[in-house]
C-alpha atoms as a PDB file:
ATOM      1  CA  GLU A   1      47.777 109.620 128.409  1.00  0.00           C
ATOM      2  CA  TRP A   2      50.474 110.806 130.801  1.00  0.00           C
ATOM      3  CA  ASP A   3      51.911 109.147 133.869  1.00  0.00           C
ATOM      4  CA  GLN A   4      54.742 109.964 136.210  1.00  0.00           C
ATOM      5  CA  MET A   5      57.237 107.241 136.865  1.00  0.00           C
ATOM      6  CA  SER A   6      58.920 106.284 140.112  1.00  0.00           C
ATOM      7  CA  GLY A   7      62.186 104.678 139.135  1.00  0.00           C
ATOM      8  CA  GLY A   8      63.321 103.083 135.894  1.00  0.00           C
ATOM      9  CA  MET A   9      61.493 100.938 133.361  1.00  0.00           C
ATOM     10  CA  GLY A  10      61.756  97.931 135.662  1.00  0.00           C
ATOM     11  CA  SER A  11      59.954  99.786 138.408  1.00  0.00           C
ATOM     12  CA  THR A  12      56.390 101.092 138.476  1.00  0.00           C
ATOM     13  CA  PHE A  13      54.275 103.738 136.867  1.00  0.00           C
ATOM     14  CA  SER A  14      52.370 105.896 139.344  1.00  0.00           C
ATOM     15  CA  GLY A  15      49.020 107.536 138.716  1.00  0.00           C
ATOM     16  CA  SER A  16      49.804 110.355 141.148  1.00  0.00           C
ATOM     17  CA  SER A  17      51.963 113.392 140.562  1.00  0.00           C
ATOM     18  CA  SER A  18      52.555 113.936 144.288  1.00  0.00           C
ATOM     19  CA  THR A  19      56.247 114.047 145.188  1.00  0.00           C
ATOM     20  CA  ALA A  20      55.343 112.877 148.701  1.00  0.00           C
ATOM     21  CA  GLY A  21      53.668 109.661 147.537  1.00  0.00           C
ATOM     22  CA  ASP A  22      50.237 108.820 148.906  1.00  0.00           C
ATOM     23  CA  PHE A  23      48.436 106.974 151.713  1.00  0.00           C
ATOM     24  CA  GLY A  24      48.216 103.650 149.853  1.00  0.00           C
ATOM     25  CA  MET A  25      44.456 103.457 150.250  1.00  0.00           C
ATOM     26  CA  GLN A  26      41.621 103.314 147.715  1.00  0.00           C
ATOM     27  CA  VAL A  27      37.978 104.064 148.551  1.00  0.00           C
ATOM     28  CA  PHE A  28      34.641 103.384 146.865  1.00  0.00           C
ATOM     29  CA  PHE A  29      30.964 103.960 147.586  1.00  0.00           C
ATOM     30  CA  ARG A  30      29.020 100.847 148.557  1.00  0.00           C
ATOM     31  CA  SER A  31      25.846 102.955 148.523  1.00  0.00           C
ATOM     32  CA  GLU A  32      25.027 106.637 148.887  1.00  0.00           C
ATOM     33  CA  GLY A  33      26.774 107.954 152.004  1.00  0.00           C
ATOM     34  CA  ASP A  34      28.539 104.625 152.621  1.00  0.00           C
ATOM     35  CA  LEU A  35      32.181 105.073 151.581  1.00  0.00           C
ATOM     36  CA  ARG A  36      34.356 102.009 152.110  1.00  0.00           C
ATOM     37  CA  VAL A  37      38.042 101.230 151.995  1.00  0.00           C
ATOM     38  CA  ARG A  38      38.333  98.939 149.000  1.00  0.00           C
ATOM     39  CA  LEU A  39      42.101  98.370 148.880  1.00  0.00           C
ATOM     40  CA  VAL A  40      45.068  98.990 151.168  1.00  0.00           C
ATOM     41  CA  GLU A  41      48.664  98.456 150.101  1.00  0.00           C
ATOM     42  CA  PRO A  42      50.286  96.487 152.988  1.00  0.00           C
ATOM     43  CA  ASN A  43      53.545  98.478 152.969  1.00  0.00           C
ATOM     44  CA  SER A  44      51.873 101.887 152.690  1.00  0.00           C
ATOM     45  CA  PRO A  45      51.016 104.358 155.480  1.00  0.00           C
ATOM     46  CA  ALA A  46      47.439 103.005 155.503  1.00  0.00           C
ATOM     47  CA  GLY A  47      48.716  99.434 155.652  1.00  0.00           C
ATOM     48  CA  MET A  48      51.131 100.229 158.471  1.00  0.00           C
ATOM     49  CA  ALA A  49      48.207 101.819 160.343  1.00  0.00           C
ATOM     50  CA  ASN A  50      46.405  98.451 160.054  1.00  0.00           C
ATOM     51  CA  ILE A  51      43.509  99.833 158.011  1.00  0.00           C
ATOM     52  CA  HIS A  52      41.575  97.089 156.220  1.00  0.00           C
ATOM     53  CA  ARG A  53      39.308  96.691 153.218  1.00  0.00           C
ATOM     54  CA  GLY A  54      35.702  96.991 154.301  1.00  0.00           C
ATOM     55  CA  TRP A  55      36.190  99.742 156.895  1.00  0.00           C
ATOM     56  CA  LYS A  56      33.674 102.568 156.558  1.00  0.00           C
ATOM     57  CA  VAL A  57      34.971 106.135 156.197  1.00  0.00           C
ATOM     58  CA  LYS A  58      32.956 108.256 158.637  1.00  0.00           C
ATOM     59  CA  GLN A  59      34.920 111.512 158.556  1.00  0.00           C
ATOM     60  CA  ILE A  60      37.776 113.146 156.625  1.00  0.00           C
ATOM     61  CA  ASN A  61      39.527 116.172 158.120  1.00  0.00           C
ATOM     62  CA  GLY A  62      36.521 116.898 160.313  1.00  0.00           C
ATOM     63  CA  ASN A  63      34.067 116.694 157.397  1.00  0.00           C
ATOM     64  CA  SER A  64      31.266 114.169 157.893  1.00  0.00           C
ATOM     65  CA  GLY A  65      29.689 114.884 154.502  1.00  0.00           C
ATOM     66  CA  ILE A  66      30.890 111.631 152.971  1.00  0.00           C
ATOM     67  CA  THR A  67      28.550 111.612 149.966  1.00  0.00           C
ATOM     68  CA  THR A  68      28.842 111.226 146.205  1.00  0.00           C
ATOM     69  CA  ALA A  69      28.230 114.975 145.875  1.00  0.00           C
ATOM     70  CA  ASN A  70      31.523 115.492 147.739  1.00  0.00           C
ATOM     71  CA  ALA A  71      33.506 113.133 145.508  1.00  0.00           C
ATOM     72  CA  ASN A  72      35.996 115.845 144.552  1.00  0.00           C
ATOM     73  CA  PHE A  73      36.688 116.633 148.223  1.00  0.00           C
ATOM     74  CA  ILE A  74      37.219 112.926 148.911  1.00  0.00           C
ATOM     75  CA  ILE A  75      39.613 112.597 145.957  1.00  0.00           C
ATOM     76  CA  GLU A  76      41.710 115.572 147.051  1.00  0.00           C
ATOM     77  CA  ASN A  77      42.018 114.362 150.642  1.00  0.00           C
ATOM     78  CA  VAL A  78      42.410 110.621 150.064  1.00  0.00           C
ATOM     79  CA  TYR A  79      44.537 110.565 146.915  1.00  0.00           C
ATOM     80  CA  ASN A  80      46.293 113.917 146.626  1.00  0.00           C
ATOM     81  CA  ALA A  81      46.879 115.164 150.186  1.00  0.00           C
ATOM     82  CA  ASN A  82      50.154 114.884 152.078  1.00  0.00           C
ATOM     83  CA  THR A  83      48.386 114.472 155.440  1.00  0.00           C
ATOM     84  CA  ALA A  84      44.813 113.795 156.550  1.00  0.00           C
ATOM     85  CA  ASN A  85      42.768 112.906 159.625  1.00  0.00           C
ATOM     86  CA  PHE A  86      40.262 110.086 159.240  1.00  0.00           C
ATOM     87  CA  ILE A  87      37.619 108.465 161.407  1.00  0.00           C
ATOM     88  CA  PHE A  88      36.811 104.912 160.354  1.00  0.00           C
ATOM     89  CA  GLU A  89      34.080 102.562 161.513  1.00  0.00           C
ATOM     90  CA  LYS A  90      35.369  99.003 161.866  1.00  0.00           C
ATOM     91  CA  PRO A  91      33.208  95.933 161.144  1.00  0.00           C
ATOM     92  CA  ASP A  92      32.519  95.525 164.888  1.00  0.00           C
ATOM     93  CA  GLY A  93      30.910  98.989 164.941  1.00  0.00           C
ATOM     94  CA  THR A  94      33.685 100.779 166.831  1.00  0.00           C
ATOM     95  CA  ASN A  95      35.115 104.045 165.527  1.00  0.00           C
ATOM     96  CA  VAL A  96      38.844 104.626 165.251  1.00  0.00           C
ATOM     97  CA  PRO A  97      40.624 107.936 164.458  1.00  0.00           C
ATOM     98  CA  ILE A  98      43.763 107.641 162.306  1.00  0.00           C
ATOM     99  CA  PHE A  99      46.150 110.327 161.078  1.00  0.00           C
ATOM    100  CA  LEU A 100      48.008 109.499 157.856  1.00  0.00           C
ATOM    101  CA  THR A 101      51.074 111.046 156.234  1.00  0.00           C
ATOM    102  CA  ALA A 102      51.742 110.295 152.565  1.00  0.00           C
ATOM    103  CA  ALA A 103      54.852 108.320 151.671  1.00  0.00           C
ATOM    104  CA  HIS A 104      56.403 106.208 148.937  1.00  0.00           C
ATOM    105  CA  TYR A 105      56.291 102.432 149.429  1.00  0.00           C
ATOM    106  CA  PRO A 106      56.716  99.182 147.486  1.00  0.00           C
ATOM    107  CA  GLU A 107      53.408  97.942 146.090  1.00  0.00           C
ATOM    108  CA  LYS A 108      52.219  94.338 146.320  1.00  0.00           C
ATOM    109  CA  PRO A 109      50.555  93.311 143.024  1.00  0.00           C
ATOM    110  CA  VAL A 110      50.222  89.636 144.076  1.00  0.00           C
ATOM    111  CA  TYR A 111      47.980  90.603 146.957  1.00  0.00           C
ATOM    112  CA  LEU A 112      46.538  87.298 148.123  1.00  0.00           C
ATOM    113  CA  ASP A 113      46.705  83.654 147.145  1.00  0.00           C
ATOM    114  CA  THR A 114      44.879  80.895 148.952  1.00  0.00           C
ATOM    115  CA  VAL A 115      43.137  77.556 148.410  1.00  0.00           C
ATOM    116  CA  TYR A 116      39.688  76.668 149.767  1.00  0.00           C
ATOM    117  CA  THR A 117      38.428  73.114 150.163  1.00  0.00           C
ATOM    118  CA  LEU A 118      34.670  73.209 149.640  1.00  0.00           C
ATOM    119  CA  ASN A 119      32.272  70.431 148.612  1.00  0.00           C
ATOM    120  CA  GLY A 120      35.170  68.258 147.558  1.00  0.00           C
ATOM    121  CA  ARG A 121      36.658  70.973 145.340  1.00  0.00           C
ATOM    122  CA  ARG A 122      40.080  72.539 145.769  1.00  0.00           C
ATOM    123  CA  ILE A 123      39.465  76.142 144.724  1.00  0.00           C
ATOM    124  CA  ALA A 124      42.447  78.457 144.190  1.00  0.00           C
ATOM    125  CA  TYR A 125      41.903  82.182 144.703  1.00  0.00           C
ATOM    126  CA  LEU A 126      44.394  84.758 143.419  1.00  0.00           C
ATOM    127  CA  VAL A 127      43.995  88.508 143.995  1.00  0.00           C
ATOM    128  CA  PHE A 128      46.221  90.279 141.487  1.00  0.00           C
ATOM    129  CA  ASN A 129      46.000  94.068 141.534  1.00  0.00           C
ATOM    130  CA  SER A 130      48.464  95.310 138.908  1.00  0.00           C
ATOM    131  CA  PHE A 131      50.524  94.216 135.924  1.00  0.00           C
ATOM    132  CA  LEU A 132      52.969  97.009 136.805  1.00  0.00           C
ATOM    133  CA  GLY A 133      56.004  96.625 139.047  1.00  0.00           C
ATOM    134  CA  ASN A 134      59.288  94.767 139.162  1.00  0.00           C
ATOM    135  CA  THR A 135      58.698  92.184 136.446  1.00  0.00           C
ATOM    136  CA  SER A 136      61.339  89.706 137.669  1.00  0.00           C
ATOM    137  CA  GLN A 137      59.969  89.812 141.193  1.00  0.00           C
ATOM    138  CA  ILE A 138      56.357  89.376 140.085  1.00  0.00           C
ATOM    139  CA  GLU A 139      57.254  86.504 137.745  1.00  0.00           C
ATOM    140  CA  SER A 140      59.039  84.814 140.650  1.00  0.00           C
ATOM    141  CA  GLN A 141      55.900  85.219 142.741  1.00  0.00           C
ATOM    142  CA  PHE A 142      53.804  83.673 139.953  1.00  0.00           C
ATOM    143  CA  SER A 143      56.120  80.655 140.010  1.00  0.00           C
ATOM    144  CA  THR A 144      55.809  80.284 143.779  1.00  0.00           C
ATOM    145  CA  VAL A 145      52.028  80.742 143.797  1.00  0.00           C
ATOM    146  CA  PHE A 146      51.308  78.278 141.001  1.00  0.00           C
ATOM    147  CA  SER A 147      53.703  75.707 142.449  1.00  0.00           C
ATOM    148  CA  ARG A 148      51.680  75.932 145.649  1.00  0.00           C
ATOM    149  CA  PHE A 149      48.410  75.614 143.733  1.00  0.00           C
ATOM    150  CA  ALA A 150      49.735  72.545 141.936  1.00  0.00           C
ATOM    151  CA  SER A 151      50.953  70.928 145.162  1.00  0.00           C
ATOM    152  CA  GLN A 152      47.459  71.350 146.612  1.00  0.00           C
ATOM    153  CA  ASN A 153      45.843  69.755 143.561  1.00  0.00           C
ATOM    154  CA  VAL A 154      43.508  72.623 142.756  1.00  0.00           C
ATOM    155  CA  THR A 155      40.438  71.726 140.711  1.00  0.00           C
ATOM    156  CA  ASP A 156      39.262  75.286 139.984  1.00  0.00           C
ATOM    157  CA  ILE A 157      40.679  78.799 139.988  1.00  0.00           C
ATOM    158  CA  ILE A 158      39.282  82.279 140.645  1.00  0.00           C
ATOM    159  CA  VAL A 159      41.425  85.244 139.574  1.00  0.00           C
ATOM    160  CA  ASP A 160      40.408  88.571 141.117  1.00  0.00           C
ATOM    161  CA  LEU A 161      41.164  91.476 138.775  1.00  0.00           C
ATOM    162  CA  ARG A 162      38.417  93.838 139.943  1.00  0.00           C
ATOM    163  CA  TYR A 163      40.852  96.714 140.644  1.00  0.00           C
ATOM    164  CA  ASN A 164      43.586  95.760 138.195  1.00  0.00           C
ATOM    165  CA  GLY A 165      43.999  98.581 135.662  1.00  0.00           C
ATOM    166  CA  GLY A 166      46.621  96.746 133.627  1.00  0.00           C
ATOM    167  CA  GLY A 167      50.330  97.236 133.011  1.00  0.00           C
ATOM    168  CA  TYR A 168      53.034  95.364 131.165  1.00  0.00           C
ATOM    169  CA  VAL A 169      52.187  93.064 128.253  1.00  0.00           C
ATOM    170  CA  SER A 170      55.056  90.781 129.338  1.00  0.00           C
ATOM    171  CA  LEU A 171      53.469  90.138 132.744  1.00  0.00           C
ATOM    172  CA  GLN A 172      50.121  89.422 131.091  1.00  0.00           C
ATOM    173  CA  GLU A 173      51.881  86.831 128.939  1.00  0.00           C
ATOM    174  CA  SER A 174      53.541  85.291 131.997  1.00  0.00           C
ATOM    175  CA  LEU A 175      50.282  84.912 133.941  1.00  0.00           C
ATOM    176  CA  ALA A 176      48.431  83.631 130.870  1.00  0.00           C
ATOM    177  CA  ASN A 177      51.022  80.878 130.458  1.00  0.00           C
ATOM    178  CA  TYR A 178      50.366  79.639 134.004  1.00  0.00           C
ATOM    179  CA  LEU A 179      46.592  79.696 133.540  1.00  0.00           C
ATOM    180  CA  ILE A 180      46.277  78.136 130.091  1.00  0.00           C
ATOM    181  CA  PRO A 181      45.551  74.391 129.792  1.00  0.00           C
ATOM    182  CA  ASN A 182      48.318  72.126 128.504  1.00  0.00           C
ATOM    183  CA  GLN A 183      46.738  71.663 125.073  1.00  0.00           C
ATOM    184  CA  ALA A 184      46.998  75.384 124.306  1.00  0.00           C
ATOM    185  CA  SER A 185      50.792  75.498 124.599  1.00  0.00           C
ATOM    186  CA  GLY A 186      52.316  76.503 121.273  1.00  0.00           C
ATOM    187  CA  GLN A 187      49.069  77.958 119.965  1.00  0.00           C
ATOM    188  CA  LEU A 188      48.372  81.623 119.230  1.00  0.00           C
ATOM    189  CA  MET A 189      47.882  83.839 122.270  1.00  0.00           C
ATOM    190  CA  MET A 190      47.354  87.217 120.578  1.00  0.00           C
ATOM    191  CA  LYS A 191      48.160  89.501 117.693  1.00  0.00           C
ATOM    192  CA  GLN A 192      49.257  93.123 118.038  1.00  0.00           C
ATOM    193  CA  ILE A 193      47.959  95.062 115.036  1.00  0.00           C
ATOM    194  CA  PHE A 194      49.241  98.497 113.969  1.00  0.00           C
ATOM    195  CA  ASN A 195      47.821 100.913 111.410  1.00  0.00           C
ATOM    196  CA  THR A 196      48.617 100.494 107.736  1.00  0.00           C
ATOM    197  CA  ALA A 197      51.619 102.848 107.959  1.00  0.00           C
ATOM    198  CA  HIS A 198      53.263 100.535 110.500  1.00  0.00           C
ATOM    199  CA  SER A 199      51.902  97.109 109.510  1.00  0.00           C
ATOM    200  CA  SER A 200      55.474  95.775 109.419  1.00  0.00           C
ATOM    201  CA  SER A 201      55.403  96.009 113.240  1.00  0.00           C
ATOM    202  CA  ASN A 202      52.443  93.626 113.547  1.00  0.00           C
ATOM    203  CA  ASN A 203      53.379  90.929 116.012  1.00  0.00           C
ATOM    204  CA  SER A 204      52.052  87.530 117.100  1.00  0.00           C
ATOM    205  CA  THR A 205      52.641  85.800 120.441  1.00  0.00           C
ATOM    206  CA  SER A 206      52.116  82.111 121.227  1.00  0.00           C
ATOM    207  CA  PHE A 207      51.424  80.430 124.546  1.00  0.00           C
ATOM    208  CA  ARG A 208      54.210  78.588 126.356  1.00  0.00           C
ATOM    209  CA  LYS A 209      52.715  76.547 129.174  1.00  0.00           C
ATOM    210  CA  ALA A 210      54.251  77.274 132.584  1.00  0.00           C
ATOM    211  CA  GLY A 211      53.748  75.260 135.748  1.00  0.00           C
ATOM    212  CA  SER A 212      51.574  72.170 136.100  1.00  0.00           C
ATOM    213  CA  VAL A 213      48.159  73.587 136.996  1.00  0.00           C
ATOM    214  CA  ASN A 214      45.943  72.323 134.159  1.00  0.00           C
ATOM    215  CA  LEU A 215      42.330  73.534 134.183  1.00  0.00           C
ATOM    216  CA  ASN A 216      39.744  73.968 131.453  1.00  0.00           C
ATOM    217  CA  SER A 217      37.675  76.662 133.154  1.00  0.00           C
ATOM    218  CA  ILE A 218      38.467  79.890 134.955  1.00  0.00           C
ATOM    219  CA  TYR A 219      36.519  82.525 136.883  1.00  0.00           C
ATOM    220  CA  PHE A 220      37.464  86.208 136.840  1.00  0.00           C
ATOM    221  CA  ILE A 221      36.121  88.742 139.321  1.00  0.00           C
ATOM    222  CA  VAL A 222      36.002  92.061 137.486  1.00  0.00           C
ATOM    223  CA  GLY A 223      34.554  95.576 137.521  1.00  0.00           C
ATOM    224  CA  ARG A 224      34.910  99.014 135.970  1.00  0.00           C
ATOM    225  CA  GLY A 225      38.510  99.079 137.262  1.00  0.00           C
ATOM    226  CA  THR A 226      39.443  95.954 135.263  1.00  0.00           C
ATOM    227  CA  ALA A 227      41.223  97.432 132.258  1.00  0.00           C
ATOM    228  CA  SER A 228      43.827  97.140 129.535  1.00  0.00           C
ATOM    229  CA  ALA A 229      46.264  94.292 130.296  1.00  0.00           C
ATOM    230  CA  SER A 230      43.638  92.665 132.560  1.00  0.00           C
ATOM    231  CA  GLU A 231      41.107  92.667 129.730  1.00  0.00           C
ATOM    232  CA  LEU A 232      43.834  91.441 127.395  1.00  0.00           C
ATOM    233  CA  LEU A 233      44.405  88.410 129.639  1.00  0.00           C
ATOM    234  CA  ILE A 234      40.699  87.565 129.707  1.00  0.00           C
ATOM    235  CA  ASN A 235      40.326  87.973 125.946  1.00  0.00           C
ATOM    236  CA  ASN A 236      43.397  85.866 125.181  1.00  0.00           C
ATOM    237  CA  LEU A 237      42.163  82.943 127.289  1.00  0.00           C
ATOM    238  CA  LYS A 238      38.623  82.875 125.919  1.00  0.00           C
ATOM    239  CA  PRO A 239      39.330  80.726 122.831  1.00  0.00           C
ATOM    240  CA  TYR A 240      40.955  78.026 124.985  1.00  0.00           C
ATOM    241  CA  MET A 241      39.060  77.976 128.295  1.00  0.00           C
ATOM    242  CA  ASN A 242      35.551  78.211 129.696  1.00  0.00           C
ATOM    243  CA  VAL A 243      35.894  81.801 130.970  1.00  0.00           C
ATOM    244  CA  LYS A 244      33.308  83.181 133.424  1.00  0.00           C
ATOM    245  CA  LEU A 245      33.171  86.814 134.587  1.00  0.00           C
ATOM    246  CA  ILE A 246      31.562  87.989 137.835  1.00  0.00           C
ATOM    247  CA  GLY A 247      31.203  91.587 138.957  1.00  0.00           C
ATOM    248  CA  ALA A 248      29.074  94.674 139.449  1.00  0.00           C
ATOM    249  CA  THR A 249      29.750  96.064 135.957  1.00  0.00           C
ATOM    250  CA  ALA A 250      31.364  95.175 132.672  1.00  0.00           C
ATOM    251  CA  THR A 251      35.107  95.750 132.449  1.00  0.00           C
ATOM    252  CA  HIS A 252      36.524  99.171 131.532  1.00  0.00           C
ATOM    253  CA  GLY A 253      36.899  98.684 127.775  1.00  0.00           C
ATOM    254  CA  LYS A 254      40.447  99.391 126.568  1.00  0.00           C
ATOM    255  CA  PRO A 255      41.597  96.921 123.879  1.00  0.00           C
ATOM    256  CA  VAL A 256      44.576  99.031 122.818  1.00  0.00           C
ATOM    257  CA  GLY A 257      48.193  99.237 123.897  1.00  0.00           C
ATOM    258  CA  PHE A 258      51.015 101.730 124.251  1.00  0.00           C
ATOM    259  CA  PHE A 259      54.749 102.163 123.957  1.00  0.00           C
ATOM    260  CA  PRO A 260      56.049 104.542 126.660  1.00  0.00           C
ATOM    261  CA  VAL A 261      57.725 107.653 125.270  1.00  0.00           C
ATOM    262  CA  PRO A 262      60.044 109.234 127.910  1.00  0.00           C
ATOM    263  CA  LEU A 263      59.759 112.981 128.474  1.00  0.00           C
ATOM    264  CA  GLY A 264      61.898 113.919 131.473  1.00  0.00           C
ATOM    265  CA  ASP A 265      60.317 112.486 134.620  1.00  0.00           C
ATOM    266  CA  TRP A 266      57.131 111.696 132.713  1.00  0.00           C
ATOM    267  CA  TYR A 267      56.041 109.220 130.069  1.00  0.00           C
ATOM    268  CA  LEU A 268      53.643 109.847 127.196  1.00  0.00           C
ATOM    269  CA  PHE A 269      51.443 106.898 126.170  1.00  0.00           C
ATOM    270  CA  PRO A 270      50.161 107.396 122.608  1.00  0.00           C
ATOM    271  CA  VAL A 271      47.791 104.649 121.458  1.00  0.00           C
ATOM    272  CA  SER A 272      50.056 102.435 119.383  1.00  0.00           C
ATOM    273  CA  PHE A 273      48.288  99.150 118.571  1.00  0.00           C
ATOM    274  CA  LYS A 274      45.167  97.097 119.114  1.00  0.00           C
ATOM    275  CA  THR A 275      45.190  93.477 120.212  1.00  0.00           C
ATOM    276  CA  VAL A 276      43.051  90.527 119.130  1.00  0.00           C
ATOM    277  CA  ASN A 277      42.937  86.896 120.275  1.00  0.00           C
ATOM    278  CA  LYS A 278      43.126  83.678 118.263  1.00  0.00           C
ATOM    279  CA  ASN A 279      39.588  84.216 116.968  1.00  0.00           C
ATOM    280  CA  GLY A 280      40.225  87.816 115.908  1.00  0.00           C
ATOM    281  CA  GLU A 281      38.160  89.140 118.833  1.00  0.00           C
ATOM    282  CA  GLY A 282      39.217  92.374 120.499  1.00  0.00           C
ATOM    283  CA  ASN A 283      36.822  95.264 119.921  1.00  0.00           C
ATOM    284  CA  TYR A 284      35.565  95.420 123.512  1.00  0.00           C
ATOM    285  CA  TYR A 285      35.538  99.218 123.685  1.00  0.00           C
ATOM    286  CA  ASN A 286      32.377  99.066 125.811  1.00  0.00           C
ATOM    287  CA  GLY A 287      33.964  96.554 128.163  1.00  0.00           C
ATOM    288  CA  ILE A 288      33.686  92.789 128.447  1.00  0.00           C
ATOM    289  CA  PRO A 289      30.246  91.919 129.906  1.00  0.00           C
ATOM    290  CA  VAL A 290      29.888  89.808 133.039  1.00  0.00           C
ATOM    291  CA  ASP A 291      28.114  86.449 133.243  1.00  0.00           C
ATOM    292  CA  ALA A 292      26.816  87.210 136.742  1.00  0.00           C
ATOM    293  CA  GLN A 293      26.192  90.813 137.798  1.00  0.00           C
ATOM    294  CA  ILE A 294      26.948  90.909 141.522  1.00  0.00           C
ATOM    295  CA  ALA A 295      27.717  93.911 143.713  1.00  0.00           C
ATOM    296  CA  ASP A 296      31.292  94.334 144.905  1.00  0.00           C
ATOM    297  CA  GLY A 297      31.337  93.126 148.525  1.00  0.00           C
ATOM    298  CA  LEU A 298      32.933  96.282 149.878  1.00  0.00           C
ATOM    299  CA  ASP A 299      31.875  95.425 153.431  1.00  0.00           C
ATOM    300  CA  LYS A 300      34.111  92.337 153.537  1.00  0.00           C
ATOM    301  CA  ASP A 301      37.893  91.904 153.630  1.00  0.00           C
ATOM    302  CA  TRP A 302      39.873  90.068 150.948  1.00  0.00           C
ATOM    303  CA  GLY A 303      39.436  86.300 150.966  1.00  0.00           C
ATOM    304  CA  ASP A 304      36.238  86.297 153.035  1.00  0.00           C
ATOM    305  CA  VAL A 305      34.129  83.526 151.472  1.00  0.00           C
ATOM    306  CA  ASN A 306      31.031  85.587 152.285  1.00  0.00           C
ATOM    307  CA  GLU A 307      32.209  88.528 150.148  1.00  0.00           C
ATOM    308  CA  SER A 308      29.534  88.703 147.455  1.00  0.00           C
ATOM    309  CA  SER A 309      31.695  88.377 144.314  1.00  0.00           C
ATOM    310  CA  LEU A 310      33.901  85.610 145.712  1.00  0.00           C
ATOM    311  CA  ALA A 311      30.864  83.827 147.191  1.00  0.00           C
ATOM    312  CA  SER A 312      29.127  83.903 143.817  1.00  0.00           C
ATOM    313  CA  ALA A 313      32.109  82.323 142.057  1.00  0.00           C
ATOM    314  CA  ILE A 314      32.427  79.642 144.733  1.00  0.00           C
ATOM    315  CA  ARG A 315      28.728  78.873 144.548  1.00  0.00           C
ATOM    316  CA  ASN A 316      28.847  78.426 140.776  1.00  0.00           C
ATOM    317  CA  ILE A 317      31.843  76.120 141.081  1.00  0.00           C
ATOM    318  CA  THR A 318      30.257  73.989 143.785  1.00  0.00           C
ATOM    319  CA  THR A 319      26.571  74.019 142.744  1.00  0.00           C
ATOM    320  CA  GLY A 320      26.372  75.287 139.154  1.00  0.00           C
ATOM    321  CA  THR A 321      24.373  78.398 140.101  1.00  0.00           C
ATOM    322  CA  TYR A 322      25.443  81.914 140.988  1.00  0.00           C
ATOM    323  CA  LEU A 323      24.821  83.588 144.327  1.00  0.00           C
ATOM    324  CA  ARG A 324      21.693  85.316 143.091  1.00  0.00           C
ATOM    325  CA  ASP A 325      19.873  85.615 139.794  1.00  0.00           C
ATOM    326  CA  ALA A 326      18.676  89.233 140.058  1.00  0.00           C
ATOM    327  CA  ALA A 327      21.031  91.639 138.324  1.00  0.00           C
ATOM    328  CA  TYR A 328      22.668  94.236 140.518  1.00  0.00           C
ATOM    329  CA  ILE A 329      22.022  97.799 139.348  1.00  0.00           C
ATOM    330  CA  GLU A 330      24.290 100.473 140.770  1.00  0.00           C
ATOM    331  CA  PRO A 331      22.276 103.642 141.561  1.00  0.00           C
ATOM    332  CA  ALA A 332      23.068 106.485 139.144  1.00  0.00           C
ATOM    333  CA  ALA A 333      24.498 108.852 141.782  1.00  0.00           C
ATOM    334  CA  VAL A 334      26.671 106.085 143.237  1.00  0.00           C
ATOM    335  CA  ALA A 335      27.886 105.126 139.776  1.00  0.00           C
ATOM    336  CA  GLU A 336      28.806 108.734 139.004  1.00  0.00           C
ATOM    337  CA  GLY A 337      30.689 109.120 142.282  1.00  0.00           C
ATOM    338  CA  ASN A 338      32.533 105.843 141.830  1.00  0.00           C
ATOM    339  CA  GLU A 339      33.480 106.703 138.259  1.00  0.00           C
ATOM    340  CA  LYS A 340      35.216 109.825 139.593  1.00  0.00           C
ATOM    341  CA  LEU A 341      37.029 107.782 142.237  1.00  0.00           C
ATOM    342  CA  GLU A 342      38.001 105.156 139.665  1.00  0.00           C
ATOM    343  CA  MET A 343      39.634 107.809 137.478  1.00  0.00           C
ATOM    344  CA  GLN A 344      42.456 107.992 140.039  1.00  0.00           C
ATOM    345  CA  SER A 345      43.690 104.554 138.949  1.00  0.00           C
ATOM    346  CA  VAL A 346      46.092 104.024 136.048  1.00  0.00           C
ATOM    347  CA  LYS A 347      44.732 101.959 133.126  1.00  0.00           C
ATOM    348  CA  VAL A 348      47.374 100.893 130.610  1.00  0.00           C
ATOM    349  CA  THR A 349      48.649  98.090 128.408  1.00  0.00           C
ATOM    350  CA  VAL A 350      52.359  98.820 128.153  1.00  0.00           C
ATOM    351  CA  ASP A 351      54.730  97.116 125.748  1.00  0.00           C
ATOM    352  CA  ALA A 352      58.249  98.089 126.833  1.00  0.00           C
ATOM    353  CA  ARG A 353      59.872  97.012 123.567  1.00  0.00           C
ATOM    354  CA  LYS A 354      61.608  99.663 121.497  1.00  0.00           C
ATOM    355  CA  PHE A 355      59.315 100.798 118.691  1.00  0.00           C
END
């Protein structure tokens, strides 16, 4: 795998080769012909234009053929273009034209943190969109967020990783240490296993409990975009917590990691190691399956308790049942279109140690 890098090792990897940056907006099909904004970076051109998750894309550069058959056109004009004209339909039914110019901007991996009080439960909700970025800054945000969760006496936690394609192993370790229950501190988190020619590099990592949030169960909202370091986090917690997964599909399926090899302005990511948890589990090449298959609520903004995935997690916490029992099946054409759109996102587990 190849990725271009914006800045030094303490900065971020970018999945785009555009020197002008991008619009800071991701899109996905909710159904055939219904393309929705699924994520907007707050500091990006799309964020500054006040575009929100859930808005429907009606037209791109005068083209109203917003269908899965036109996925390549959508990719070129949403992800790779320097400028584009859009017409969006807002949730109130009004249409709004917006012209965007690509730019570079600081990303916001810790996207949302909040606490809901429902049926006597204090439910923490954390939307975390990338394990890439300024590691010191993100670790500081983890400290602030989990201090807030502790001060509000949370009884349950939902971690939203549905669009998190992974990143640094060190940030995975940091978040895992906040999530793990007290009794797991000091116990094995994971093993990194190399081939027989490099078995001397095999490495083990133990948990070191951080913060004072102490829960025995955890809910993850996931999808096909949940990959690499995100899957690593889920797998590492499974031996120690009651882990529940909710989403439209299984996770991506990438239980291997990389050491970045610099080549000018680019980095090469050769597969370097596989990772297993305390129980030796880690061969999830077909993804980690969900416990409740629920469609991504692309028509709702982040944190809306009526968004289908979040609502399903809340319902299970408060009543013991999921939002609905019937499994969601993504239509084949929609799945194919969304797989193309998902390919625009970086999916890595990066260990920045010298090999």
